[in-house]
C-alpha atoms as a PDB file:
ATOM      1  CA  MET A   1     -20.750 -37.231  15.853  1.00  0.00           C
ATOM      2  CA  GLY A   2     -22.018 -36.241  12.595  1.00  0.00           C
ATOM      3  CA  GLU A   3     -19.754 -35.697   9.933  1.00  0.00           C
ATOM      4  CA  LYS A   4     -21.151 -31.929   9.204  1.00  0.00           C
ATOM      5  CA  GLU A   5     -20.312 -31.358  13.092  1.00  0.00           C
ATOM      6  CA  LYS A   6     -15.881 -32.240  12.858  1.00  0.00           C
ATOM      7  CA  PRO A   7     -15.271 -29.388  10.959  1.00  0.00           C
ATOM      8  CA  ARG A   8     -16.814 -27.187  12.758  1.00  0.00           C
ATOM      9  CA  LEU A   9     -15.113 -28.728  16.168  1.00  0.00           C
ATOM     10  CA  SER A  10     -11.230 -28.429  14.703  1.00  0.00           C
ATOM     11  CA  ARG A  11     -12.321 -25.063  14.087  1.00  0.00           C
ATOM     12  CA  LEU A  12     -13.418 -24.002  17.097  1.00  0.00           C
ATOM     13  CA  THR A  13     -10.549 -25.585  18.690  1.00  0.00           C
ATOM     14  CA  ALA A  14      -8.228 -23.608  16.497  1.00  0.00           C
ATOM     15  CA  ILE A  15     -10.004 -20.453  16.771  1.00  0.00           C
ATOM     16  CA  LEU A  16      -9.597 -21.143  20.916  1.00  0.00           C
ATOM     17  CA  THR A  17      -5.823 -21.309  19.650  1.00  0.00           C
ATOM     18  CA  GLN A  18      -5.772 -18.336  17.861  1.00  0.00           C
ATOM     19  CA  LEU A  19      -8.160 -16.210  20.690  1.00  0.00           C
ATOM     20  CA  GLN A  20      -5.016 -17.451  23.485  1.00  0.00           C
ATOM     21  CA  SER A  21      -1.648 -16.529  21.186  1.00  0.00           C
ATOM     22  CA  LYS A  22      -3.441 -13.024  20.282  1.00  0.00           C
ATOM     23  CA  ARG A  23      -4.018 -10.134  22.445  1.00  0.00           C
ATOM     24  CA  ILE A  24      -6.840  -9.195  20.175  1.00  0.00           C
ATOM     25  CA  ILE A  25      -8.435 -10.963  16.833  1.00  0.00           C
ATOM     26  CA  THR A  26     -11.260  -9.868  14.871  1.00  0.00           C
ATOM     27  CA  ALA A  27     -14.185 -11.825  14.167  1.00  0.00           C
ATOM     28  CA  LYS A  28     -12.822 -10.345   9.752  1.00  0.00           C
ATOM     29  CA  GLN A  29      -9.693 -12.202  10.875  1.00  0.00           C
ATOM     30  CA  LEU A  30     -11.233 -15.135  12.150  1.00  0.00           C
ATOM     31  CA  SER A  31     -13.431 -15.656   8.900  1.00  0.00           C
ATOM     32  CA  GLU A  32     -10.816 -14.923   6.894  1.00  0.00           C
ATOM     33  CA  LYS A  33      -8.561 -17.266   8.629  1.00  0.00           C
ATOM     34  CA  HIS A  34     -11.002 -20.561   8.541  1.00  0.00           C
ATOM     35  CA  ASN A  35     -13.276 -18.877   4.853  1.00  0.00           C
ATOM     36  CA  VAL A  36     -16.332 -19.349   7.040  1.00  0.00           C
ATOM     37  CA  SER A  37     -17.811 -15.804   7.339  1.00  0.00           C
ATOM     38  CA  VAL A  38     -18.608 -13.446   9.946  1.00  0.00           C
ATOM     39  CA  ARG A  39     -21.024 -14.820  11.333  1.00  0.00           C
ATOM     40  CA  THR A  40     -20.268 -18.410  11.502  1.00  0.00           C
ATOM     41  CA  ILE A  41     -17.580 -16.483  13.961  1.00  0.00           C
ATOM     42  CA  TYR A  42     -19.889 -15.212  15.610  1.00  0.00           C
ATOM     43  CA  ARG A  43     -21.894 -18.240  16.568  1.00  0.00           C
ATOM     44  CA  ASP A  44     -18.332 -19.921  17.550  1.00  0.00           C
ATOM     45  CA  ILE A  45     -17.871 -17.213  19.709  1.00  0.00           C
ATOM     46  CA  ARG A  46     -20.937 -17.618  21.451  1.00  0.00           C
ATOM     47  CA  THR A  47     -20.642 -21.088  21.396  1.00  0.00           C
ATOM     48  CA  LEU A  48     -17.591 -20.766  22.936  1.00  0.00           C
ATOM     49  CA  GLU A  49     -18.805 -18.321  25.410  1.00  0.00           C
ATOM     50  CA  LYS A  50     -21.337 -21.109  26.608  1.00  0.00           C
ATOM     51  CA  SER A  51     -18.621 -23.841  27.645  1.00  0.00           C
ATOM     52  CA  GLY A  52     -16.946 -21.161  30.071  1.00  0.00           C
ATOM     53  CA  ILE A  53     -14.354 -19.839  27.721  1.00  0.00           C
ATOM     54  CA  PRO A  54     -14.474 -15.998  29.196  1.00  0.00           C
ATOM     55  CA  ILE A  55     -14.131 -14.338  25.840  1.00  0.00           C
ATOM     56  CA  VAL A  56     -14.009 -10.560  26.253  1.00  0.00           C
ATOM     57  CA  THR A  57     -15.623  -8.759  23.130  1.00  0.00           C
ATOM     58  CA  GLU A  58     -14.022  -5.235  23.158  1.00  0.00           C
ATOM     59  CA  GLU A  59     -16.330  -3.186  20.815  1.00  0.00           C
ATOM     60  CA  GLY A  60     -14.730  -2.021  17.441  1.00  0.00           C
ATOM     61  CA  LYS A  61     -11.842  -3.628  18.648  1.00  0.00           C
ATOM     62  CA  GLY A  62     -12.372  -7.709  18.385  1.00  0.00           C
ATOM     63  CA  TYR A  63     -11.680 -10.482  20.927  1.00  0.00           C
ATOM     64  CA  SER A  64      -9.252 -11.497  23.623  1.00  0.00           C
ATOM     65  CA  ILE A  65      -9.670 -14.413  27.072  1.00  0.00           C
ATOM     66  CA  MET A  66     -10.240 -12.182  30.338  1.00  0.00           C
ATOM     67  CA  GLU A  67      -6.011 -12.280  31.232  1.00  0.00           C
ATOM     68  CA  GLY A  68      -5.087 -14.156  33.617  1.00  0.00           C
ATOM     69  CA  TYR A  69      -7.076 -17.213  32.199  1.00  0.00           C
ATOM     70  CA  HIS A  70      -5.197 -20.198  31.359  1.00  0.00           C
ATOM     71  CA  LEU A  71      -5.997 -23.201  29.612  1.00  0.00           C
ATOM     72  CA  PRO A  72      -4.389 -26.388  30.067  1.00  0.00           C
ATOM     73  CA  PRO A  73      -1.432 -26.877  27.883  1.00  0.00           C
ATOM     74  CA  VAL A  74      -1.964 -27.561  24.063  1.00  0.00           C
ATOM     75  CA  LEU A  75      -0.522 -30.911  22.695  1.00  0.00           C
ATOM     76  CA  PHE A  76       1.609 -30.612  19.996  1.00  0.00           C
ATOM     77  CA  THR A  77       1.644 -32.820  16.549  1.00  0.00           C
ATOM     78  CA  GLU A  78       4.761 -34.714  16.231  1.00  0.00           C
ATOM     79  CA  ASN A  79       4.961 -31.852  13.025  1.00  0.00           C
ATOM     80  CA  GLU A  80       4.631 -29.101  15.418  1.00  0.00           C
ATOM     81  CA  ALA A  81       6.680 -30.397  17.629  1.00  0.00           C
ATOM     82  CA  ASN A  82       9.349 -30.664  15.013  1.00  0.00           C
ATOM     83  CA  ALA A  83       9.035 -27.430  13.520  1.00  0.00           C
ATOM     84  CA  LEU A  84       9.752 -25.442  16.683  1.00  0.00           C
ATOM     85  CA  ILE A  85      13.013 -27.896  17.291  1.00  0.00           C
ATOM     86  CA  THR A  86      13.813 -26.040  13.760  1.00  0.00           C
ATOM     87  CA  LEU A  87      13.662 -23.145  14.767  1.00  0.00           C
ATOM     88  CA  GLU A  88      14.980 -23.338  18.190  1.00  0.00           C
ATOM     89  CA  GLN A  89      18.553 -24.356  15.972  1.00  0.00           C
ATOM     90  CA  LEU A  90      18.157 -21.587  13.196  1.00  0.00           C
ATOM     91  CA  ALA A  91      17.600 -18.974  16.339  1.00  0.00           C
ATOM     92  CA  ILE A  92      21.046 -20.583  17.534  1.00  0.00           C
ATOM     93  CA  LYS A  93      22.760 -19.655  15.019  1.00  0.00           C
ATOM     94  CA  ASN A  94      21.350 -15.568  15.198  1.00  0.00           C
ATOM     95  CA  LYS A  95      24.225 -13.285  16.288  1.00  0.00           C
ATOM     96  CA  ASP A  96      21.835 -11.904  18.370  1.00  0.00           C
ATOM     97  CA  SER A  97      22.899 -12.680  22.120  1.00  0.00           C
ATOM     98  CA  SER A  98      19.663 -12.338  23.936  1.00  0.00           C
ATOM     99  CA  LEU A  99      17.461 -13.833  20.777  1.00  0.00           C
ATOM    100  CA  VAL A 100      19.215 -17.306  21.469  1.00  0.00           C
ATOM    101  CA  LYS A 101      19.207 -17.497  25.269  1.00  0.00           C
ATOM    102  CA  ASN A 102      15.347 -16.470  25.098  1.00  0.00           C
ATOM    103  CA  THR A 103      14.553 -18.222  22.197  1.00  0.00           C
ATOM    104  CA  THR A 104      16.304 -21.082  23.959  1.00  0.00           C
ATOM    105  CA  SER A 105      13.739 -21.244  27.156  1.00  0.00           C
ATOM    106  CA  ALA A 106      11.090 -20.947  25.778  1.00  0.00           C
ATOM    107  CA  ILE A 107      11.168 -24.248  23.637  1.00  0.00           C
ATOM    108  CA  GLU A 108      12.677 -25.611  26.696  1.00  0.00           C
ATOM    109  CA  LYS A 109       9.472 -24.842  28.145  1.00  0.00           C
ATOM    110  CA  ILE A 110       7.370 -26.487  25.073  1.00  0.00           C
ATOM    111  CA  LYS A 111       8.914 -28.931  25.130  1.00  0.00           C
ATOM    112  CA  ALA A 112       7.892 -29.497  29.108  1.00  0.00           C
ATOM    113  CA  ILE A 113       4.570 -30.254  27.789  1.00  0.00           C
ATOM    114  CA  LEU A 114       5.004 -32.071  25.017  1.00  0.00           C
ATOM    115  CA  ARG A 115       3.830 -36.025  25.668  1.00  0.00           C
ATOM    116  CA  TYR A 116       6.581 -38.539  26.725  1.00  0.00           C
ATOM    117  CA  SER A 117       7.300 -39.984  22.892  1.00  0.00           C
ATOM    118  CA  GLN A 118       7.897 -36.691  21.746  1.00  0.00           C
ATOM    119  CA  LYS A 119      10.100 -36.212  24.020  1.00  0.00           C
ATOM    120  CA  GLY A 120      13.209 -38.618  22.661  1.00  0.00           C
ATOM    121  CA  ASN A 121      12.239 -37.258  19.348  1.00  0.00           C
ATOM    122  CA  ALA A 122      13.070 -34.172  20.359  1.00  0.00           C
ATOM    123  CA  ASP A 123      16.060 -34.104  21.613  1.00  0.00           C
ATOM    124  CA  LEU A 124      16.660 -36.298  18.829  1.00  0.00           C
ATOM    125  CA  LEU A 125      16.322 -34.112  16.012  1.00  0.00           C
ATOM    126  CA  SER A 126      17.682 -31.602  18.001  1.00  0.00           C
ATOM    127  CA  ASP A 127      21.383 -33.662  17.495  1.00  0.00           C
ATOM    128  CA  ARG A 128      20.420 -34.166  14.079  1.00  0.00           C
ATOM    129  CA  ILE A 129      19.726 -30.878  12.315  1.00  0.00           C
ATOM    130  CA  TYR A 130      22.635 -28.394  11.720  1.00  0.00           C
ATOM    131  CA  PHE A 131      22.359 -24.891  10.211  1.00  0.00           C
ATOM    132  CA  SER A 132      25.685 -23.658   9.160  1.00  0.00           C
ATOM    133  CA  GLY A 133      25.972 -19.674   9.334  1.00  0.00           C
ATOM    134  CA  ASN A 134      27.177 -18.141  12.807  1.00  0.00           C
ATOM    135  CA  ASN A 135      29.341 -19.216  15.408  1.00  0.00           C
ATOM    136  CA  ASN A 136      26.998 -20.131  18.701  1.00  0.00           C
ATOM    137  CA  GLU A 137      30.054 -18.406  19.960  1.00  0.00           C
ATOM    138  CA  GLU A 138      30.014 -15.035  18.146  1.00  0.00           C
ATOM    139  CA  LYS A 139      27.756 -12.965  18.964  1.00  0.00           C
ATOM    140  CA  THR A 140      27.291  -9.345  18.390  1.00  0.00           C
ATOM    141  CA  SER A 141      24.633  -8.454  19.922  1.00  0.00           C
ATOM    142  CA  ASN A 142      22.437  -8.569  22.882  1.00  0.00           C
ATOM    143  CA  ASN A 143      19.590  -6.253  21.621  1.00  0.00           C
ATOM    144  CA  LEU A 144      16.683  -7.719  20.281  1.00  0.00           C
ATOM    145  CA  MET A 145      14.799  -8.415  23.087  1.00  0.00           C
ATOM    146  CA  GLN A 146      14.938  -5.047  24.749  1.00  0.00           C
ATOM    147  CA  ILE A 147      14.387  -3.558  21.244  1.00  0.00           C
ATOM    148  CA  GLN A 148      11.339  -5.845  20.469  1.00  0.00           C
ATOM    149  CA  SER A 149       9.573  -4.397  24.159  1.00  0.00           C
ATOM    150  CA  ALA A 150      10.421  -0.494  23.183  1.00  0.00           C
ATOM    151  CA  ILE A 151       8.198  -1.482  19.546  1.00  0.00           C
ATOM    152  CA  THR A 152       5.149  -3.115  21.950  1.00  0.00           C
ATOM    153  CA  GLN A 153       5.486  -0.936  24.573  1.00  0.00           C
ATOM    154  CA  TYR A 154       5.930   2.209  22.299  1.00  0.00           C
ATOM    155  CA  LYS A 155       9.160   3.485  24.031  1.00  0.00           C
ATOM    156  CA  ILE A 156      11.774   5.721  23.212  1.00  0.00           C
ATOM    157  CA  LEU A 157      15.082   4.193  22.581  1.00  0.00           C
ATOM    158  CA  THR A 158      18.309   6.551  23.645  1.00  0.00           C
ATOM    159  CA  ILE A 159      21.082   4.431  20.961  1.00  0.00           C
ATOM    160  CA  ASP A 160      24.729   5.214  21.403  1.00  0.00           C
ATOM    161  CA  TYR A 161      24.963   4.427  17.684  1.00  0.00           C
ATOM    162  CA  ILE A 162      28.080   3.528  14.471  1.00  0.00           C
ATOM    163  CA  SER A 163      27.673   3.787  11.259  1.00  0.00           C
ATOM    164  CA  SER A 164      29.227   1.784   8.025  1.00  0.00           C
ATOM    165  CA  ALA A 165      30.914   4.793   7.964  1.00  0.00           C
ATOM    166  CA  ASN A 166      32.456   4.829  11.362  1.00  0.00           C
ATOM    167  CA  GLU A 167      30.460   7.680  12.502  1.00  0.00           C
ATOM    168  CA  GLN A 168      29.647   7.490  16.381  1.00  0.00           C
ATOM    169  CA  THR A 169      26.356   9.616  17.484  1.00  0.00           C
ATOM    170  CA  THR A 170      23.822   9.332  20.080  1.00  0.00           C
ATOM    171  CA  ARG A 171      20.253   9.031  18.832  1.00  0.00           C
ATOM    172  CA  GLU A 172      16.861   9.295  20.372  1.00  0.00           C
ATOM    173  CA  ILE A 173      13.879   6.962  17.877  1.00  0.00           C
ATOM    174  CA  GLU A 174      11.044   5.584  17.966  1.00  0.00           C
ATOM    175  CA  PRO A 175      11.178   1.907  16.684  1.00  0.00           C
ATOM    176  CA  PHE A 176       9.015   0.600  14.455  1.00  0.00           C
ATOM    177  CA  ALA A 177       9.885  -2.365  12.834  1.00  0.00           C
ATOM    178  CA  ILE A 178      12.496  -5.692  12.595  1.00  0.00           C
ATOM    179  CA  TYR A 179      13.650  -7.429   9.001  1.00  0.00           C
ATOM    180  CA  SER A 180      16.989  -9.534   8.358  1.00  0.00           C
ATOM    181  CA  ILE A 181      18.071  -9.625   5.030  1.00  0.00           C
ATOM    182  CA  HIS A 182      21.759 -10.943   4.589  1.00  0.00           C
ATOM    183  CA  GLY A 183      22.058 -12.315   7.629  1.00  0.00           C
ATOM    184  CA  ASP A 184      22.259  -9.147   8.742  1.00  0.00           C
ATOM    185  CA  ILE A 185      19.238  -7.655  11.880  1.00  0.00           C
ATOM    186  CA  LEU A 186      18.126  -4.416  11.217  1.00  0.00           C
ATOM    187  CA  LEU A 187      15.691  -1.914  13.474  1.00  0.00           C
ATOM    188  CA  ILE A 188      13.152   0.475  11.293  1.00  0.00           C
ATOM    189  CA  ALA A 189      12.946   3.478  13.149  1.00  0.00           C
ATOM    190  CA  TYR A 190      11.549   6.780  13.453  1.00  0.00           C
ATOM    191  CA  CYS A 191      15.323   8.803  14.209  1.00  0.00           C
ATOM    192  CA  LEU A 192      14.230  12.385  16.009  1.00  0.00           C
ATOM    193  CA  LEU A 193      17.330  13.736  14.859  1.00  0.00           C
ATOM    194  CA  ARG A 194      17.134  12.945  11.533  1.00  0.00           C
ATOM    195  CA  ASN A 195      12.981  13.835  11.407  1.00  0.00           C
ATOM    196  CA  GLU A 196      12.833  10.363   9.359  1.00  0.00           C
ATOM    197  CA  PHE A 197      12.686   6.462   9.784  1.00  0.00           C
ATOM    198  CA  ARG A 198      16.198   5.598   9.378  1.00  0.00           C
ATOM    199  CA  HIS A 199      17.392   1.916   9.373  1.00  0.00           C
ATOM    200  CA  PHE A 200      20.144   0.621  11.898  1.00  0.00           C
ATOM    201  CA  ARG A 201      21.784  -2.341  11.859  1.00  0.00           C
ATOM    202  CA  ILE A 202      21.691  -3.840  15.830  1.00  0.00           C
ATOM    203  CA  ASP A 203      25.188  -4.833  15.908  1.00  0.00           C
ATOM    204  CA  PHE A 204      25.907  -1.692  15.062  1.00  0.00           C
ATOM    205  CA  ILE A 205      24.438  -0.254  18.522  1.00  0.00           C
ATOM    206  CA  GLU A 206      27.001   0.245  20.967  1.00  0.00           C
ATOM    207  CA  LYS A 207      24.922   0.979  23.869  1.00  0.00           C
ATOM    208  CA  ILE A 208      20.623   0.916  23.686  1.00  0.00           C
ATOM    209  CA  MET A 209      18.879   3.065  26.909  1.00  0.00           C
ATOM    210  CA  THR A 210      14.648   2.270  26.810  1.00  0.00           C
ATOM    211  CA  GLN A 211      12.683   5.764  28.023  1.00  0.00           C
ATOM    212  CA  SER A 212       9.997   6.265  29.940  1.00  0.00           C
ATOM    213  CA  GLN A 213       8.216   7.978  27.200  1.00  0.00           C
ATOM    214  CA  THR A 214       6.334   6.730  25.216  1.00  0.00           C
ATOM    215  CA  PHE A 215       5.493   7.599  21.449  1.00  0.00           C
ATOM    216  CA  SER A 216       2.528   7.578  19.045  1.00  0.00           C
ATOM    217  CA  PRO A 217       1.537   4.675  17.323  1.00  0.00           C
ATOM    218  CA  HIS A 218       3.110   4.599  13.890  1.00  0.00           C
ATOM    219  CA  ASN A 219      -0.308   3.559  12.073  1.00  0.00           C
ATOM    220  CA  MET A 220       1.023   1.714   9.054  1.00  0.00           C
ATOM    221  CA  THR A 221       1.394  -2.201   8.712  1.00  0.00           C
ATOM    222  CA  ILE A 222       6.131  -2.924   7.592  1.00  0.00           C
ATOM    223  CA  LYS A 223       3.979  -3.502   4.165  1.00  0.00           C
ATOM    224  CA  GLU A 224       2.856  -0.048   3.443  1.00  0.00           C
ATOM    225  CA  TYR A 225       5.747   1.202   5.365  1.00  0.00           C
ATOM    226  CA  PHE A 226       8.387  -0.107   1.960  1.00  0.00           C
ATOM    227  CA  GLU A 227       5.616   0.790  -0.318  1.00  0.00           C
ATOM    228  CA  LYS A 228       5.659   4.304   1.009  1.00  0.00           C
ATOM    229  CA  TYR A 229      10.273   5.003   2.234  1.00  0.00           C
ATOM    230  CA  VAL A 230      12.304   2.308   1.445  1.00  0.00           C
ATOM    231  CA  LYS A 231      12.551   4.054  -1.935  1.00  0.00           C
ATOM    232  CA  ASN A 232      14.197   6.788  -0.638  1.00  0.00           C
ATOM    233  CA  GLN A 233      15.470   5.034   2.582  1.00  0.00           C
ATOM    234  CA  LYS A 234      19.208   5.596   3.777  1.00  0.00           C
ATOM    235  CA  TYR A 235      21.766   3.660   6.440  1.00  0.00           C
ATOM    236  CA  PRO A 236      22.674   6.710   9.050  1.00  0.00           C
END
């Protein structure tokens, strides 16, 4: 194999991984990621298609892999495996029990496809990493997974919420984004009661219900949200 082929082979493998990890990705995003022209990405996509990968092209949107198609498990490098174990330990310290449960389950499945020699190293590293913070027995919420699902499916949520001033209200909200600050997980959502975006501490949500009705997506990134709204943002 010539020297010029090595970078392309590595790029094709990376593109395949990115196609598996995203619902849809554009040629422009791939070109910026790999520092090549969009035309080069077009050629790479054709090469993958010729090799038998069922890539779906959505005009004006981007590329994805045909639903239901599964590739053999990807083998992780030692550093990648170690990074995953570190993320698991960070998640365990989180205050939301639904996140801890699902992260631990996901990491266990990932460990199952590690090479035999890596499994012992992963177990060793799990026993040698400790992050101070929230005690594993002191979970203060169990709503993060449900909120994440509502964000991706554009579902309206009804929440019983206690504010920092200890005022209880019932709100219907359109969940937009999640971020963490000073150890607290905050939900950014459009509040239908106040008719504006608000921040809600997830551990202040006493009850949550996902409605069947959906809402129109808020067409902006979280960066654009902060630039537009954060100066006037209030806590409920």
